[in-house]
Amino acid sequence: MFLNSNPHRETEDHEERQVLSKTVKAGRRTYFFDVRATRGDDYYLTITESRKMTQTDGSVTYDRHKIFLYKEDFSKFADTLQEVVDFIRRERPQELRKEETVPTGDPV
């Protein structure tokens, strides 16, 4: 895991460019999914978790962690993520929030 103080600043290597950015807000955490292109126009994904931290003096800081996922690992990563999410849904469905459950019956 790579620690990054500002996940959305321009990269040090100005040859890389951001292609797509998606954000998921989840309570005190925010997840950033950023697709970037290398100089060779290969895509890779950065996933950043940013967690809001309130200090004892009342000031706010953000704890950030970033991972880089490269194209040769996309399939293995996606398959494994789906496998563990399916496991949790099967084994602990009561722990899922209502909006995460799959509706049954015909749509209204």
PDB file of N, CA and C in Angstrom:
ATOM      1  N   MET A   1       0.829  -1.166   0.000  1.00  0.00           N
ATOM      2  CA  MET A   1       0.000   0.000   0.000  1.00  0.00           C
ATOM      3  C   MET A   1       0.882   1.240   0.000  1.00  0.00           C
ATOM      4  N   PHE A   2       0.456   2.263  -0.662  1.00  0.00           N
ATOM      5  CA  PHE A   2       1.231   3.486  -0.809  1.00  0.00           C
ATOM      6  C   PHE A   2       0.504   4.603  -0.088  1.00  0.00           C
ATOM      7  N   LEU A   3       1.186   5.305   0.780  1.00  0.00           N
ATOM      8  CA  LEU A   3       0.612   6.431   1.496  1.00  0.00           C
ATOM      9  C   LEU A   3       0.759   7.678   0.652  1.00  0.00           C
ATOM     10  N   ASN A   4      -0.333   8.417   0.487  1.00  0.00           N
ATOM     11  CA  ASN A   4      -0.299   9.593  -0.367  1.00  0.00           C
ATOM     12  C   ASN A   4      -1.020  10.730   0.338  1.00  0.00           C
ATOM     13  N   SER A   5      -0.406  11.894   0.424  1.00  0.00           N
ATOM     14  CA  SER A   5      -1.012  13.002   1.149  1.00  0.00           C
ATOM     15  C   SER A   5      -2.097  13.706   0.361  1.00  0.00           C
ATOM     16  N   ASN A   6      -2.095  13.615  -0.951  1.00  0.00           N
ATOM     17  CA  ASN A   6      -3.118  14.270  -1.753  1.00  0.00           C
ATOM     18  C   ASN A   6      -3.404  13.410  -2.980  1.00  0.00           C
ATOM     19  N   PRO A   7      -4.474  12.602  -2.937  1.00  0.00           N
ATOM     20  CA  PRO A   7      -4.684  11.633  -4.005  1.00  0.00           C
ATOM     21  C   PRO A   7      -5.064  12.233  -5.349  1.00  0.00           C
ATOM     22  N   HIS A   8      -5.493  13.509  -5.398  1.00  0.00           N
ATOM     23  CA  HIS A   8      -5.947  14.053  -6.666  1.00  0.00           C
ATOM     24  C   HIS A   8      -5.072  15.160  -7.213  1.00  0.00           C
ATOM     25  N   ARG A   9      -3.854  15.285  -6.708  1.00  0.00           N
ATOM     26  CA  ARG A   9      -2.954  16.273  -7.269  1.00  0.00           C
ATOM     27  C   ARG A   9      -2.383  15.705  -8.562  1.00  0.00           C
ATOM     28  N   GLU A  10      -1.862  16.579  -9.386  1.00  0.00           N
ATOM     29  CA  GLU A  10      -1.238  16.117 -10.623  1.00  0.00           C
ATOM     30  C   GLU A  10      -0.066  15.208 -10.280  1.00  0.00           C
ATOM     31  N   THR A  11       0.172  14.225 -11.109  1.00  0.00           N
ATOM     32  CA  THR A  11       1.269  13.304 -10.849  1.00  0.00           C
ATOM     33  C   THR A  11       2.595  14.003 -11.077  1.00  0.00           C
ATOM     34  N   GLU A  12       3.615  13.450 -10.452  1.00  0.00           N
ATOM     35  CA  GLU A  12       4.972  13.971 -10.647  1.00  0.00           C
ATOM     36  C   GLU A  12       5.376  13.857 -12.111  1.00  0.00           C
ATOM     37  N   ASP A  13       4.949  12.752 -12.746  1.00  0.00           N
ATOM     38  CA  ASP A  13       5.271  12.511 -14.146  1.00  0.00           C
ATOM     39  C   ASP A  13       4.134  13.101 -14.988  1.00  0.00           C
ATOM     40  N   HIS A  14       4.360  14.245 -15.579  1.00  0.00           N
ATOM     41  CA  HIS A  14       3.310  14.931 -16.315  1.00  0.00           C
ATOM     42  C   HIS A  14       2.924  14.198 -17.591  1.00  0.00           C
ATOM     43  N   GLU A  15       3.624  13.117 -17.929  1.00  0.00           N
ATOM     44  CA  GLU A  15       3.276  12.318 -19.091  1.00  0.00           C
ATOM     45  C   GLU A  15       2.034  11.465 -18.817  1.00  0.00           C
ATOM     46  N   GLU A  16       1.728  11.193 -17.561  1.00  0.00           N
ATOM     47  CA  GLU A  16       0.556  10.398 -17.224  1.00  0.00           C
ATOM     48  C   GLU A  16      -0.661  11.306 -17.171  1.00  0.00           C
ATOM     49  N   ARG A  17      -1.820  10.756 -17.581  1.00  0.00           N
ATOM     50  CA  ARG A  17      -3.022  11.582 -17.564  1.00  0.00           C
ATOM     51  C   ARG A  17      -4.175  10.812 -16.933  1.00  0.00           C
ATOM     52  N   GLN A  18      -5.065  11.563 -16.294  1.00  0.00           N
ATOM     53  CA  GLN A  18      -6.243  10.961 -15.692  1.00  0.00           C
ATOM     54  C   GLN A  18      -7.293  10.770 -16.766  1.00  0.00           C
ATOM     55  N   VAL A  19      -7.898   9.579 -16.818  1.00  0.00           N
ATOM     56  CA  VAL A  19      -8.877   9.231 -17.831  1.00  0.00           C
ATOM     57  C   VAL A  19     -10.291   9.265 -17.254  1.00  0.00           C
ATOM     58  N   LEU A  20     -10.456   8.754 -16.038  1.00  0.00           N
ATOM     59  CA  LEU A  20     -11.773   8.646 -15.412  1.00  0.00           C
ATOM     60  C   LEU A  20     -11.586   8.679 -13.900  1.00  0.00           C
ATOM     61  N   SER A  21     -12.517   9.315 -13.205  1.00  0.00           N
ATOM     62  CA  SER A  21     -12.472   9.348 -11.747  1.00  0.00           C
ATOM     63  C   SER A  21     -13.871   9.138 -11.204  1.00  0.00           C
ATOM     64  N   LYS A  22     -14.015   8.222 -10.257  1.00  0.00           N
ATOM     65  CA  LYS A  22     -15.289   7.946  -9.595  1.00  0.00           C
ATOM     66  C   LYS A  22     -15.044   8.007  -8.090  1.00  0.00           C
ATOM     67  N   THR A  23     -16.058   8.489  -7.362  1.00  0.00           N
ATOM     68  CA  THR A  23     -15.956   8.642  -5.916  1.00  0.00           C
ATOM     69  C   THR A  23     -17.094   7.909  -5.232  1.00  0.00           C
ATOM     70  N   VAL A  24     -16.773   7.216  -4.142  1.00  0.00           N
ATOM     71  CA  VAL A  24     -17.779   6.554  -3.313  1.00  0.00           C
ATOM     72  C   VAL A  24     -17.621   7.100  -1.900  1.00  0.00           C
ATOM     73  N   LYS A  25     -18.680   7.770  -1.398  1.00  0.00           N
ATOM     74  CA  LYS A  25     -18.659   8.279  -0.025  1.00  0.00           C
ATOM     75  C   LYS A  25     -19.327   7.254   0.865  1.00  0.00           C
ATOM     76  N   ALA A  26     -18.671   6.933   1.972  1.00  0.00           N
ATOM     77  CA  ALA A  26     -19.161   5.902   2.889  1.00  0.00           C
ATOM     78  C   ALA A  26     -18.873   6.339   4.323  1.00  0.00           C
ATOM     79  N   GLY A  27     -19.748   7.147   4.883  1.00  0.00           N
ATOM     80  CA  GLY A  27     -19.541   7.630   6.245  1.00  0.00           C
ATOM     81  C   GLY A  27     -18.321   8.516   6.324  1.00  0.00           C
ATOM     82  N   ARG A  28     -17.402   8.185   7.233  1.00  0.00           N
ATOM     83  CA  ARG A  28     -16.171   8.966   7.389  1.00  0.00           C
ATOM     84  C   ARG A  28     -15.124   8.631   6.339  1.00  0.00           C
ATOM     85  N   ARG A  29     -15.403   7.634   5.522  1.00  0.00           N
ATOM     86  CA  ARG A  29     -14.455   7.229   4.488  1.00  0.00           C
ATOM     87  C   ARG A  29     -14.958   7.666   3.112  1.00  0.00           C
ATOM     88  N   THR A  30     -14.006   7.978   2.250  1.00  0.00           N
ATOM     89  CA  THR A  30     -14.300   8.236   0.849  1.00  0.00           C
ATOM     90  C   THR A  30     -13.320   7.403   0.040  1.00  0.00           C
ATOM     91  N   TYR A  31     -13.839   6.749  -0.998  1.00  0.00           N
ATOM     92  CA  TYR A  31     -13.008   5.941  -1.880  1.00  0.00           C
ATOM     93  C   TYR A  31     -12.961   6.619  -3.246  1.00  0.00           C
ATOM     94  N   PHE A  32     -11.748   6.733  -3.779  1.00  0.00           N
ATOM     95  CA  PHE A  32     -11.546   7.318  -5.105  1.00  0.00           C
ATOM     96  C   PHE A  32     -11.028   6.223  -6.029  1.00  0.00           C
ATOM     97  N   PHE A  33     -11.686   6.052  -7.163  1.00  0.00           N
ATOM     98  CA  PHE A  33     -11.263   5.107  -8.188  1.00  0.00           C
ATOM     99  C   PHE A  33     -10.833   5.941  -9.389  1.00  0.00           C
ATOM    100  N   ASP A  34      -9.546   5.962  -9.669  1.00  0.00           N
ATOM    101  CA  ASP A  34      -9.006   6.793 -10.736  1.00  0.00           C
ATOM    102  C   ASP A  34      -8.322   5.931 -11.790  1.00  0.00           C
ATOM    103  N   VAL A  35      -8.783   6.080 -13.031  1.00  0.00           N
ATOM    104  CA  VAL A  35      -8.133   5.408 -14.153  1.00  0.00           C
ATOM    105  C   VAL A  35      -7.155   6.416 -14.748  1.00  0.00           C
ATOM    106  N   ARG A  36      -5.929   5.978 -14.905  1.00  0.00           N
ATOM    107  CA  ARG A  36      -4.881   6.830 -15.478  1.00  0.00           C
ATOM    108  C   ARG A  36      -4.242   6.099 -16.657  1.00  0.00           C
ATOM    109  N   ALA A  37      -3.617   6.885 -17.512  1.00  0.00           N
ATOM    110  CA  ALA A  37      -2.920   6.328 -18.674  1.00  0.00           C
ATOM    111  C   ALA A  37      -1.439   6.632 -18.557  1.00  0.00           C
ATOM    112  N   THR A  38      -0.624   5.649 -18.894  1.00  0.00           N
ATOM    113  CA  THR A  38       0.826   5.834 -18.887  1.00  0.00           C
ATOM    114  C   THR A  38       1.262   6.500 -20.184  1.00  0.00           C
ATOM    115  N   ARG A  39       2.549   6.788 -20.282  1.00  0.00           N
ATOM    116  CA  ARG A  39       3.088   7.359 -21.525  1.00  0.00           C
ATOM    117  C   ARG A  39       2.801   6.471 -22.719  1.00  0.00           C
ATOM    118  N   GLY A  40       2.798   5.152 -22.476  1.00  0.00           N
ATOM    119  CA  GLY A  40       2.521   4.193 -23.544  1.00  0.00           C
ATOM    120  C   GLY A  40       1.034   3.966 -23.771  1.00  0.00           C
ATOM    121  N   ASP A  41       0.183   4.758 -23.147  1.00  0.00           N
ATOM    122  CA  ASP A  41      -1.265   4.699 -23.250  1.00  0.00           C
ATOM    123  C   ASP A  41      -1.845   3.408 -22.682  1.00  0.00           C
ATOM    124  N   ASP A  42      -1.156   2.799 -21.708  1.00  0.00           N
ATOM    125  CA  ASP A  42      -1.718   1.685 -20.963  1.00  0.00           C
ATOM    126  C   ASP A  42      -2.491   2.263 -19.790  1.00  0.00           C
ATOM    127  N   TYR A  43      -3.635   1.661 -19.490  1.00  0.00           N
ATOM    128  CA  TYR A  43      -4.429   2.117 -18.362  1.00  0.00           C
ATOM    129  C   TYR A  43      -4.042   1.363 -17.097  1.00  0.00           C
ATOM    130  N   TYR A  44      -4.124   2.047 -15.977  1.00  0.00           N
ATOM    131  CA  TYR A  44      -4.005   1.418 -14.671  1.00  0.00           C
ATOM    132  C   TYR A  44      -4.968   2.110 -13.726  1.00  0.00           C
ATOM    133  N   LEU A  45      -5.247   1.466 -12.622  1.00  0.00           N
ATOM    134  CA  LEU A  45      -6.232   1.952 -11.670  1.00  0.00           C
ATOM    135  C   LEU A  45      -5.558   2.287 -10.352  1.00  0.00           C
ATOM    136  N   THR A  46      -5.910   3.429  -9.783  1.00  0.00           N
ATOM    137  CA  THR A  46      -5.510   3.710  -8.405  1.00  0.00           C
ATOM    138  C   THR A  46      -6.785   3.742  -7.582  1.00  0.00           C
ATOM    139  N   ILE A  47      -6.736   3.096  -6.430  1.00  0.00           N
ATOM    140  CA  ILE A  47      -7.837   3.100  -5.485  1.00  0.00           C
ATOM    141  C   ILE A  47      -7.317   3.764  -4.225  1.00  0.00           C
ATOM    142  N   THR A  48      -7.961   4.848  -3.823  1.00  0.00           N
ATOM    143  CA  THR A  48      -7.528   5.598  -2.648  1.00  0.00           C
ATOM    144  C   THR A  48      -8.635   5.583  -1.616  1.00  0.00           C
ATOM    145  N   GLU A  49      -8.280   5.223  -0.392  1.00  0.00           N
ATOM    146  CA  GLU A  49      -9.195   5.341   0.738  1.00  0.00           C
ATOM    147  C   GLU A  49      -8.769   6.568   1.515  1.00  0.00           C
ATOM    148  N   SER A  50      -9.701   7.483   1.739  1.00  0.00           N
ATOM    149  CA  SER A  50      -9.440   8.685   2.517  1.00  0.00           C
ATOM    150  C   SER A  50     -10.373   8.662   3.720  1.00  0.00           C
ATOM    151  N   ARG A  51      -9.792   8.734   4.910  1.00  0.00           N
ATOM    152  CA  ARG A  51     -10.589   8.659   6.136  1.00  0.00           C
ATOM    153  C   ARG A  51     -10.424   9.939   6.928  1.00  0.00           C
ATOM    154  N   LYS A  52     -11.554  10.562   7.242  1.00  0.00           N
ATOM    155  CA  LYS A  52     -11.547  11.806   8.001  1.00  0.00           C
ATOM    156  C   LYS A  52     -11.235  11.503   9.464  1.00  0.00           C
ATOM    157  N   MET A  53     -10.257  12.232  10.017  1.00  0.00           N
ATOM    158  CA  MET A  53      -9.832  12.045  11.402  1.00  0.00           C
ATOM    159  C   MET A  53      -9.952  13.377  12.138  1.00  0.00           C
ATOM    160  N   THR A  54     -10.669  13.378  13.243  1.00  0.00           N
ATOM    161  CA  THR A  54     -10.770  14.577  14.063  1.00  0.00           C
ATOM    162  C   THR A  54      -9.765  14.448  15.205  1.00  0.00           C
ATOM    163  N   GLN A  55      -8.874  15.409  15.302  1.00  0.00           N
ATOM    164  CA  GLN A  55      -7.829  15.400  16.317  1.00  0.00           C
ATOM    165  C   GLN A  55      -8.392  15.879  17.658  1.00  0.00           C
ATOM    166  N   THR A  56      -7.658  15.647  18.741  1.00  0.00           N
ATOM    167  CA  THR A  56      -8.110  16.050  20.070  1.00  0.00           C
ATOM    168  C   THR A  56      -8.300  17.556  20.182  1.00  0.00           C
ATOM    169  N   ASP A  57      -7.589  18.335  19.376  1.00  0.00           N
ATOM    170  CA  ASP A  57      -7.740  19.795  19.419  1.00  0.00           C
ATOM    171  C   ASP A  57      -8.879  20.285  18.520  1.00  0.00           C
ATOM    172  N   GLY A  58      -9.610  19.348  17.896  1.00  0.00           N
ATOM    173  CA  GLY A  58     -10.734  19.707  17.039  1.00  0.00           C
ATOM    174  C   GLY A  58     -10.390  19.866  15.576  1.00  0.00           C
ATOM    175  N   SER A  59      -9.109  19.877  15.244  1.00  0.00           N
ATOM    176  CA  SER A  59      -8.719  20.006  13.837  1.00  0.00           C
ATOM    177  C   SER A  59      -9.003  18.696  13.094  1.00  0.00           C
ATOM    178  N   VAL A  60      -9.149  18.817  11.796  1.00  0.00           N
ATOM    179  CA  VAL A  60      -9.475  17.667  10.959  1.00  0.00           C
ATOM    180  C   VAL A  60      -8.305  17.363  10.038  1.00  0.00           C
ATOM    181  N   THR A  61      -7.954  16.094   9.947  1.00  0.00           N
ATOM    182  CA  THR A  61      -6.949  15.630   8.996  1.00  0.00           C
ATOM    183  C   THR A  61      -7.548  14.456   8.223  1.00  0.00           C
ATOM    184  N   TYR A  62      -6.872  14.050   7.175  1.00  0.00           N
ATOM    185  CA  TYR A  62      -7.326  12.926   6.381  1.00  0.00           C
ATOM    186  C   TYR A  62      -6.209  11.900   6.287  1.00  0.00           C
ATOM    187  N   ASP A  63      -6.524  10.669   6.656  1.00  0.00           N
ATOM    188  CA  ASP A  63      -5.594   9.551   6.548  1.00  0.00           C
ATOM    189  C   ASP A  63      -5.876   8.895   5.205  1.00  0.00           C
ATOM    190  N   ARG A  64      -4.873   8.833   4.330  1.00  0.00           N
ATOM    191  CA  ARG A  64      -5.084   8.307   2.985  1.00  0.00           C
ATOM    192  C   ARG A  64      -4.163   7.125   2.707  1.00  0.00           C
ATOM    193  N   HIS A  65      -4.743   6.151   2.023  1.00  0.00           N
ATOM    194  CA  HIS A  65      -3.995   4.972   1.594  1.00  0.00           C
ATOM    195  C   HIS A  65      -4.335   4.711   0.134  1.00  0.00           C
ATOM    196  N   LYS A  66      -3.332   4.386  -0.644  1.00  0.00           N
ATOM    197  CA  LYS A  66      -3.531   4.215  -2.085  1.00  0.00           C
ATOM    198  C   LYS A  66      -2.908   2.901  -2.540  1.00  0.00           C
ATOM    199  N   ILE A  67      -3.614   2.214  -3.447  1.00  0.00           N
ATOM    200  CA  ILE A  67      -3.044   1.046  -4.115  1.00  0.00           C
ATOM    201  C   ILE A  67      -3.082   1.300  -5.622  1.00  0.00           C
ATOM    202  N   PHE A  68      -2.133   0.715  -6.298  1.00  0.00           N
ATOM    203  CA  PHE A  68      -2.055   0.797  -7.756  1.00  0.00           C
ATOM    204  C   PHE A  68      -2.363  -0.584  -8.302  1.00  0.00           C
ATOM    205  N   LEU A  69      -3.248  -0.655  -9.276  1.00  0.00           N
ATOM    206  CA  LEU A  69      -3.621  -1.920  -9.878  1.00  0.00           C
ATOM    207  C   LEU A  69      -3.348  -1.825 -11.380  1.00  0.00           C
ATOM    208  N   TYR A  70      -2.508  -2.717 -11.862  1.00  0.00           N
ATOM    209  CA  TYR A  70      -2.093  -2.687 -13.262  1.00  0.00           C
ATOM    210  C   TYR A  70      -2.864  -3.700 -14.090  1.00  0.00           C
ATOM    211  N   LYS A  71      -2.918  -3.461 -15.405  1.00  0.00           N
ATOM    212  CA  LYS A  71      -3.779  -4.231 -16.308  1.00  0.00           C
ATOM    213  C   LYS A  71      -3.569  -5.738 -16.217  1.00  0.00           C
ATOM    214  N   GLU A  72      -2.353  -6.177 -15.984  1.00  0.00           N
ATOM    215  CA  GLU A  72      -2.113  -7.619 -15.920  1.00  0.00           C
ATOM    216  C   GLU A  72      -2.742  -8.257 -14.688  1.00  0.00           C
ATOM    217  N   ASP A  73      -3.180  -7.439 -13.740  1.00  0.00           N
ATOM    218  CA  ASP A  73      -3.799  -7.955 -12.515  1.00  0.00           C
ATOM    219  C   ASP A  73      -5.306  -7.709 -12.448  1.00  0.00           C
ATOM    220  N   PHE A  74      -5.892  -7.008 -13.420  1.00  0.00           N
ATOM    221  CA  PHE A  74      -7.309  -6.652 -13.370  1.00  0.00           C
ATOM    222  C   PHE A  74      -8.205  -7.863 -13.174  1.00  0.00           C
ATOM    223  N   SER A  75      -8.051  -8.880 -14.000  1.00  0.00           N
ATOM    224  CA  SER A  75      -8.948 -10.041 -13.946  1.00  0.00           C
ATOM    225  C   SER A  75      -8.847 -10.769 -12.618  1.00  0.00           C
ATOM    226  N   LYS A  76      -7.608 -11.028 -12.172  1.00  0.00           N
ATOM    227  CA  LYS A  76      -7.435 -11.730 -10.893  1.00  0.00           C
ATOM    228  C   LYS A  76      -8.013 -10.914  -9.743  1.00  0.00           C
ATOM    229  N   PHE A  77      -7.791  -9.610  -9.765  1.00  0.00           N
ATOM    230  CA  PHE A  77      -8.292  -8.734  -8.713  1.00  0.00           C
ATOM    231  C   PHE A  77      -9.819  -8.728  -8.703  1.00  0.00           C
ATOM    232  N   ALA A  78     -10.436  -8.522  -9.871  1.00  0.00           N
ATOM    233  CA  ALA A  78     -11.893  -8.461  -9.973  1.00  0.00           C
ATOM    234  C   ALA A  78     -12.529  -9.791  -9.582  1.00  0.00           C
ATOM    235  N   ASP A  79     -11.947 -10.909 -10.053  1.00  0.00           N
ATOM    236  CA  ASP A  79     -12.482 -12.234  -9.714  1.00  0.00           C
ATOM    237  C   ASP A  79     -12.418 -12.487  -8.212  1.00  0.00           C
ATOM    238  N   THR A  80     -11.296 -12.155  -7.606  1.00  0.00           N
ATOM    239  CA  THR A  80     -11.118 -12.385  -6.173  1.00  0.00           C
ATOM    240  C   THR A  80     -12.013 -11.469  -5.354  1.00  0.00           C
ATOM    241  N   LEU A  81     -12.128 -10.210  -5.758  1.00  0.00           N
ATOM    242  CA  LEU A  81     -13.025  -9.290  -5.067  1.00  0.00           C
ATOM    243  C   LEU A  81     -14.458  -9.811  -5.127  1.00  0.00           C
ATOM    244  N   GLN A  82     -14.908 -10.242  -6.301  1.00  0.00           N
ATOM    245  CA  GLN A  82     -16.267 -10.774  -6.438  1.00  0.00           C
ATOM    246  C   GLN A  82     -16.451 -12.012  -5.573  1.00  0.00           C
ATOM    247  N   GLU A  83     -15.455 -12.873  -5.538  1.00  0.00           N
ATOM    248  CA  GLU A  83     -15.526 -14.097  -4.740  1.00  0.00           C
ATOM    249  C   GLU A  83     -15.695 -13.785  -3.245  1.00  0.00           C
ATOM    250  N   VAL A  84     -14.921 -12.845  -2.722  1.00  0.00           N
ATOM    251  CA  VAL A  84     -15.021 -12.549  -1.289  1.00  0.00           C
ATOM    252  C   VAL A  84     -16.303 -11.777  -0.957  1.00  0.00           C
ATOM    253  N   VAL A  85     -16.751 -10.900  -1.852  1.00  0.00           N
ATOM    254  CA  VAL A  85     -18.022 -10.199  -1.625  1.00  0.00           C
ATOM    255  C   VAL A  85     -19.176 -11.204  -1.639  1.00  0.00           C
ATOM    256  N   ASP A  86     -19.181 -12.133  -2.583  1.00  0.00           N
ATOM    257  CA  ASP A  86     -20.216 -13.171  -2.625  1.00  0.00           C
ATOM    258  C   ASP A  86     -20.201 -14.005  -1.350  1.00  0.00           C
ATOM    259  N   PHE A  87     -19.020 -14.346  -0.859  1.00  0.00           N
ATOM    260  CA  PHE A  87     -18.893 -15.109   0.381  1.00  0.00           C
ATOM    261  C   PHE A  87     -19.544 -14.357   1.543  1.00  0.00           C
ATOM    262  N   ILE A  88     -19.210 -13.074   1.675  1.00  0.00           N
ATOM    263  CA  ILE A  88     -19.780 -12.279   2.771  1.00  0.00           C
ATOM    264  C   ILE A  88     -21.295 -12.184   2.632  1.00  0.00           C
ATOM    265  N   ARG A  89     -21.776 -11.959   1.432  1.00  0.00           N
ATOM    266  CA  ARG A  89     -23.229 -11.881   1.217  1.00  0.00           C
ATOM    267  C   ARG A  89     -23.923 -13.177   1.583  1.00  0.00           C
ATOM    268  N   ARG A  90     -23.273 -14.299   1.299  1.00  0.00           N
ATOM    269  CA  ARG A  90     -23.832 -15.616   1.623  1.00  0.00           C
ATOM    270  C   ARG A  90     -23.785 -15.893   3.117  1.00  0.00           C
ATOM    271  N   GLU A  91     -22.625 -15.634   3.720  1.00  0.00           N
ATOM    272  CA  GLU A  91     -22.387 -16.009   5.111  1.00  0.00           C
ATOM    273  C   GLU A  91     -22.942 -15.017   6.132  1.00  0.00           C
ATOM    274  N   ARG A  92     -23.001 -13.741   5.792  1.00  0.00           N
ATOM    275  CA  ARG A  92     -23.424 -12.693   6.732  1.00  0.00           C
ATOM    276  C   ARG A  92     -24.414 -11.721   6.091  1.00  0.00           C
ATOM    277  N   PRO A  93     -25.492 -12.210   5.518  1.00  0.00           N
ATOM    278  CA  PRO A  93     -26.421 -11.290   4.843  1.00  0.00           C
ATOM    279  C   PRO A  93     -27.035 -10.271   5.802  1.00  0.00           C
ATOM    280  N   GLN A  94     -27.159 -10.622   7.063  1.00  0.00           N
ATOM    281  CA  GLN A  94     -27.739  -9.705   8.050  1.00  0.00           C
ATOM    282  C   GLN A  94     -26.853  -8.493   8.294  1.00  0.00           C
ATOM    283  N   GLU A  95     -25.591  -8.563   7.932  1.00  0.00           N
ATOM    284  CA  GLU A  95     -24.674  -7.453   8.142  1.00  0.00           C
ATOM    285  C   GLU A  95     -24.664  -6.452   6.991  1.00  0.00           C
ATOM    286  N   LEU A  96     -25.328  -6.784   5.910  1.00  0.00           N
ATOM    287  CA  LEU A  96     -25.378  -5.887   4.754  1.00  0.00           C
ATOM    288  C   LEU A  96     -26.427  -4.816   4.982  1.00  0.00           C
ATOM    289  N   ARG A  97     -26.142  -3.626   4.511  1.00  0.00           N
ATOM    290  CA  ARG A  97     -27.136  -2.560   4.588  1.00  0.00           C
ATOM    291  C   ARG A  97     -28.261  -2.851   3.607  1.00  0.00           C
ATOM    292  N   LYS A  98     -29.428  -2.326   3.895  1.00  0.00           N
ATOM    293  CA  LYS A  98     -30.618  -2.587   3.095  1.00  0.00           C
ATOM    294  C   LYS A  98     -30.400  -2.325   1.609  1.00  0.00           C
ATOM    295  N   GLU A  99     -29.733  -1.222   1.267  1.00  0.00           N
ATOM    296  CA  GLU A  99     -29.559  -0.882  -0.157  1.00  0.00           C
ATOM    297  C   GLU A  99     -28.590  -1.815  -0.875  1.00  0.00           C
ATOM    298  N   GLU A 100     -27.868  -2.654  -0.145  1.00  0.00           N
ATOM    299  CA  GLU A 100     -26.947  -3.593  -0.782  1.00  0.00           C
ATOM    300  C   GLU A 100     -27.596  -4.922  -1.099  1.00  0.00           C
ATOM    301  N   THR A 101     -28.773  -5.201  -0.540  1.00  0.00           N
ATOM    302  CA  THR A 101     -29.425  -6.477  -0.792  1.00  0.00           C
ATOM    303  C   THR A 101     -30.099  -6.452  -2.146  1.00  0.00           C
ATOM    304  N   VAL A 102     -30.187  -7.606  -2.754  1.00  0.00           N
ATOM    305  CA  VAL A 102     -30.792  -7.731  -4.079  1.00  0.00           C
ATOM    306  C   VAL A 102     -32.295  -7.860  -3.896  1.00  0.00           C
ATOM    307  N   PRO A 103     -33.099  -6.992  -4.556  1.00  0.00           N
ATOM    308  CA  PRO A 103     -34.552  -7.074  -4.397  1.00  0.00           C
ATOM    309  C   PRO A 103     -35.101  -8.344  -5.014  1.00  0.00           C
ATOM    310  N   THR A 104     -36.193  -8.847  -4.455  1.00  0.00           N
ATOM    311  CA  THR A 104     -36.843 -10.027  -5.011  1.00  0.00           C
ATOM    312  C   THR A 104     -38.150  -9.608  -5.640  1.00  0.00           C
ATOM    313  N   GLY A 105     -38.643 -10.393  -6.580  1.00  0.00           N
ATOM    314  CA  GLY A 105     -39.913 -10.092  -7.217  1.00  0.00           C
ATOM    315  C   GLY A 105     -39.755  -9.153  -8.386  1.00  0.00           C
ATOM    316  N   ASP A 106     -40.889  -8.783  -8.982  1.00  0.00           N
ATOM    317  CA  ASP A 106     -40.889  -7.913 -10.138  1.00  0.00           C
ATOM    318  C   ASP A 106     -40.665  -6.468  -9.742  1.00  0.00           C
ATOM    319  N   PRO A 107     -39.951  -5.703 -10.562  1.00  0.00           N
ATOM    320  CA  PRO A 107     -39.769  -4.282 -10.261  1.00  0.00           C
ATOM    321  C   PRO A 107     -41.096  -3.545 -10.359  1.00  0.00           C
ATOM    322  N   VAL A 108     -41.232  -2.482  -9.586  1.00  0.00           N
ATOM    323  CA  VAL A 108     -42.475  -1.708  -9.567  1.00  0.00           C
ATOM    324  C   VAL A 108     -42.549  -0.787 -10.751  1.00  0.00           C
TER     325      VAL A 108
END
